C-alpha atoms as a PDB file:
ATOM      1  CA  UNK A   1     -27.587  -2.151 -10.110  1.00  0.00           C
ATOM      2  CA  UNK A   2     -24.234  -3.619 -11.132  1.00  0.00           C
ATOM      3  CA  UNK A   3     -24.006  -6.510 -13.683  1.00  0.00           C
ATOM      4  CA  UNK A   4     -21.482  -8.174 -11.727  1.00  0.00           C
ATOM      5  CA  UNK A   5     -21.646  -9.373  -8.430  1.00  0.00           C
ATOM      6  CA  UNK A   6     -19.561  -9.964  -5.920  1.00  0.00           C
ATOM      7  CA  UNK A   7     -19.248 -13.874  -4.379  1.00  0.00           C
ATOM      8  CA  UNK A   8     -17.340 -14.414  -1.901  1.00  0.00           C
ATOM      9  CA  UNK A   9     -17.798 -17.734   0.778  1.00  0.00           C
ATOM     10  CA  UNK A  10     -15.567 -19.958   3.023  1.00  0.00           C
ATOM     11  CA  UNK A  11     -14.736 -23.675   1.711  1.00  0.00           C
ATOM     12  CA  UNK A  12     -11.720 -25.914   0.660  1.00  0.00           C
ATOM     13  CA  UNK A  13     -10.107 -25.959  -2.958  1.00  0.00           C
ATOM     14  CA  UNK A  14      -7.267 -26.449  -5.092  1.00  0.00           C
ATOM     15  CA  UNK A  15      -3.960 -25.051  -6.009  1.00  0.00           C
ATOM     16  CA  UNK A  16      -2.709 -25.589  -8.730  1.00  0.00           C
ATOM     17  CA  UNK A  17       0.373 -24.489 -10.860  1.00  0.00           C
ATOM     18  CA  UNK A  18      -0.397 -24.198 -14.739  1.00  0.00           C
ATOM     19  CA  UNK A  19       0.957 -23.156 -17.402  1.00  0.00           C
ATOM     20  CA  UNK A  20      -1.505 -19.852 -16.973  1.00  0.00           C
ATOM     21  CA  UNK A  21      -0.310 -19.572 -13.488  1.00  0.00           C
ATOM     22  CA  UNK A  22      -1.920 -20.642 -10.589  1.00  0.00           C
ATOM     23  CA  UNK A  23      -5.333 -21.473 -10.686  1.00  0.00           C
ATOM     24  CA  UNK A  24      -8.012 -21.651  -7.873  1.00  0.00           C
ATOM     25  CA  UNK A  25     -10.869 -24.505  -8.045  1.00  0.00           C
ATOM     26  CA  UNK A  26     -13.246 -25.072  -5.512  1.00  0.00           C
ATOM     27  CA  UNK A  27     -13.770 -28.555  -4.095  1.00  0.00           C
ATOM     28  CA  UNK A  28     -17.516 -27.992  -4.237  1.00  0.00           C
ATOM     29  CA  UNK A  29     -17.469 -26.886  -8.213  1.00  0.00           C
ATOM     30  CA  UNK A  30     -14.987 -29.878  -9.207  1.00  0.00           C
ATOM     31  CA  UNK A  31     -17.752 -32.288  -6.881  1.00  0.00           C
ATOM     32  CA  UNK A  32     -14.136 -33.860  -5.455  1.00  0.00           C
ATOM     33  CA  UNK A  33     -13.238 -33.514  -1.905  1.00  0.00           C
ATOM     34  CA  UNK A  34     -10.211 -36.324  -1.089  1.00  0.00           C
ATOM     35  CA  UNK A  35      -7.189 -34.677  -0.005  1.00  0.00           C
ATOM     36  CA  UNK A  36      -5.018 -36.099  -2.575  1.00  0.00           C
ATOM     37  CA  UNK A  37      -6.207 -35.707  -5.933  1.00  0.00           C
ATOM     38  CA  UNK A  38      -3.979 -36.047  -9.286  1.00  0.00           C
ATOM     39  CA  UNK A  39      -3.891 -32.243 -11.160  1.00  0.00           C
ATOM     40  CA  UNK A  40      -4.377 -34.269 -14.644  1.00  0.00           C
ATOM     41  CA  UNK A  41      -8.408 -34.854 -12.589  1.00  0.00           C
ATOM     42  CA  UNK A  42      -9.012 -31.267 -12.429  1.00  0.00           C
ATOM     43  CA  UNK A  43      -7.991 -30.718 -16.460  1.00  0.00           C
ATOM     44  CA  UNK A  44     -11.288 -29.473 -17.134  1.00  0.00           C
ATOM     45  CA  UNK A  45     -11.718 -26.876 -14.684  1.00  0.00           C
ATOM     46  CA  UNK A  46      -8.597 -25.389 -16.007  1.00  0.00           C
ATOM     47  CA  UNK A  47      -7.482 -22.240 -18.157  1.00  0.00           C
ATOM     48  CA  UNK A  48      -3.906 -23.979 -18.832  1.00  0.00           C
ATOM     49  CA  UNK A  49      -2.292 -27.244 -18.591  1.00  0.00           C
ATOM     50  CA  UNK A  50      -1.251 -28.260 -14.872  1.00  0.00           C
ATOM     51  CA  UNK A  51       2.786 -27.816 -14.775  1.00  0.00           C
ATOM     52  CA  UNK A  52       2.894 -31.624 -12.561  1.00  0.00           C
ATOM     53  CA  UNK A  53       0.362 -33.898 -13.828  1.00  0.00           C
ATOM     54  CA  UNK A  54       1.327 -36.945 -11.825  1.00  0.00           C
ATOM     55  CA  UNK A  55       1.569 -35.195  -8.623  1.00  0.00           C
ATOM     56  CA  UNK A  56      -1.371 -35.014  -5.810  1.00  0.00           C
ATOM     57  CA  UNK A  57      -3.146 -32.081  -5.288  1.00  0.00           C
ATOM     58  CA  UNK A  58      -3.102 -30.289  -1.757  1.00  0.00           C
ATOM     59  CA  UNK A  59      -6.937 -29.635  -0.603  1.00  0.00           C
ATOM     60  CA  UNK A  60      -6.586 -25.917   1.531  1.00  0.00           C
ATOM     61  CA  UNK A  61      -8.841 -23.700   3.147  1.00  0.00           C
ATOM     62  CA  UNK A  62      -9.797 -20.406   2.398  1.00  0.00           C
ATOM     63  CA  UNK A  63     -11.883 -17.380   1.631  1.00  0.00           C
ATOM     64  CA  UNK A  64     -12.543 -18.061  -2.384  1.00  0.00           C
ATOM     65  CA  UNK A  65     -13.553 -14.656  -3.967  1.00  0.00           C
ATOM     66  CA  UNK A  66     -14.960 -13.953  -8.055  1.00  0.00           C
ATOM     67  CA  UNK A  67     -17.275 -11.262  -9.720  1.00  0.00           C
ATOM     68  CA  UNK A  68     -20.225 -13.007 -11.650  1.00  0.00           C
ATOM     69  CA  UNK A  69     -23.353 -12.172 -13.146  1.00  0.00           C
ATOM     70  CA  UNK A  70     -26.341 -14.151 -11.661  1.00  0.00           C
ATOM     71  CA  UNK A  71     -28.170 -16.268 -14.309  1.00  0.00           C
ATOM     72  CA  UNK A  72     -25.090 -15.846 -17.028  1.00  0.00           C
ATOM     73  CA  UNK A  73     -22.083 -17.404 -17.019  1.00  0.00           C
ATOM     74  CA  UNK A  74     -20.147 -14.567 -16.759  1.00  0.00           C
ATOM     75  CA  UNK A  75     -17.874 -14.520 -14.139  1.00  0.00           C
ATOM     76  CA  UNK A  76     -13.875 -14.427 -13.462  1.00  0.00           C
ATOM     77  CA  UNK A  77     -11.475 -16.841 -12.239  1.00  0.00           C
ATOM     78  CA  UNK A  78     -11.679 -18.063  -7.856  1.00  0.00           C
ATOM     79  CA  UNK A  79      -9.128 -16.167  -5.612  1.00  0.00           C
ATOM     80  CA  UNK A  80      -8.414 -17.305  -2.521  1.00  0.00           C
ATOM     81  CA  UNK A  81      -7.547 -15.241   0.455  1.00  0.00           C
ATOM     82  CA  UNK A  82      -6.885 -15.991   4.423  1.00  0.00           C
ATOM     83  CA  UNK A  83      -9.671 -13.646   5.520  1.00  0.00           C
ATOM     84  CA  UNK A  84     -13.393 -12.589   4.307  1.00  0.00           C
ATOM     85  CA  UNK A  85     -12.392  -9.023   4.301  1.00  0.00           C
ATOM     86  CA  UNK A  86      -8.865  -9.750   2.360  1.00  0.00           C
ATOM     87  CA  UNK A  87     -11.300 -11.704  -0.206  1.00  0.00           C
ATOM     88  CA  UNK A  88     -13.856  -8.552  -0.241  1.00  0.00           C
ATOM     89  CA  UNK A  89     -11.107  -5.819  -0.259  1.00  0.00           C
ATOM     90  CA  UNK A  90      -9.717  -7.408  -3.800  1.00  0.00           C
ATOM     91  CA  UNK A  91     -13.040  -6.945  -5.293  1.00  0.00           C
ATOM     92  CA  UNK A  92     -12.897  -3.780  -4.519  1.00  0.00           C
ATOM     93  CA  UNK A  93      -9.819  -3.421  -5.447  1.00  0.00           C
ATOM     94  CA  UNK A  94     -10.512  -5.415  -8.891  1.00  0.00           C
ATOM     95  CA  UNK A  95     -11.207  -3.423 -12.378  1.00  0.00           C
ATOM     96  CA  UNK A  96     -14.551  -5.861 -12.471  1.00  0.00           C
ATOM     97  CA  UNK A  97     -16.330  -3.999 -10.285  1.00  0.00           C
ATOM     98  CA  UNK A  98     -18.659  -2.845 -12.836  1.00  0.00           C
ATOM     99  CA  UNK A  99     -20.718  -0.442 -11.676  1.00  0.00           C
ATOM    100  CA  UNK A 100     -23.640   1.443 -13.593  1.00  0.00           C
ATOM    101  CA  UNK A 101     -22.743   4.934 -15.021  1.00  0.00           C
ATOM    102  CA  UNK A 102     -23.711   7.884 -12.841  1.00  0.00           C
ATOM    103  CA  UNK A 103     -27.031   9.350 -14.695  1.00  0.00           C
ATOM    104  CA  UNK A 104     -26.617  12.500 -16.143  1.00  0.00           C
END
């Protein structure tokens, strides 16, 4: 069994342009679900600093995907996709699929 496992679900999320690129934060993770929330309020959930802090973030809906290790804090960043199939395809193609080596 692989250490990292797929986590895919449909939900609402914030997409924030930061100094490290566009970051996705699920609303249920941040505990915020209002349609317009300032990006600076999400700083605890971001790797980089928001490029614009005083403008509201738009709540979007789609399929969220990441690799995670159940029972541990290890995980990749969230990614957003339009369909469930696209989310699974992204994970299948990513380098995080840490499969166990074949037994000799």
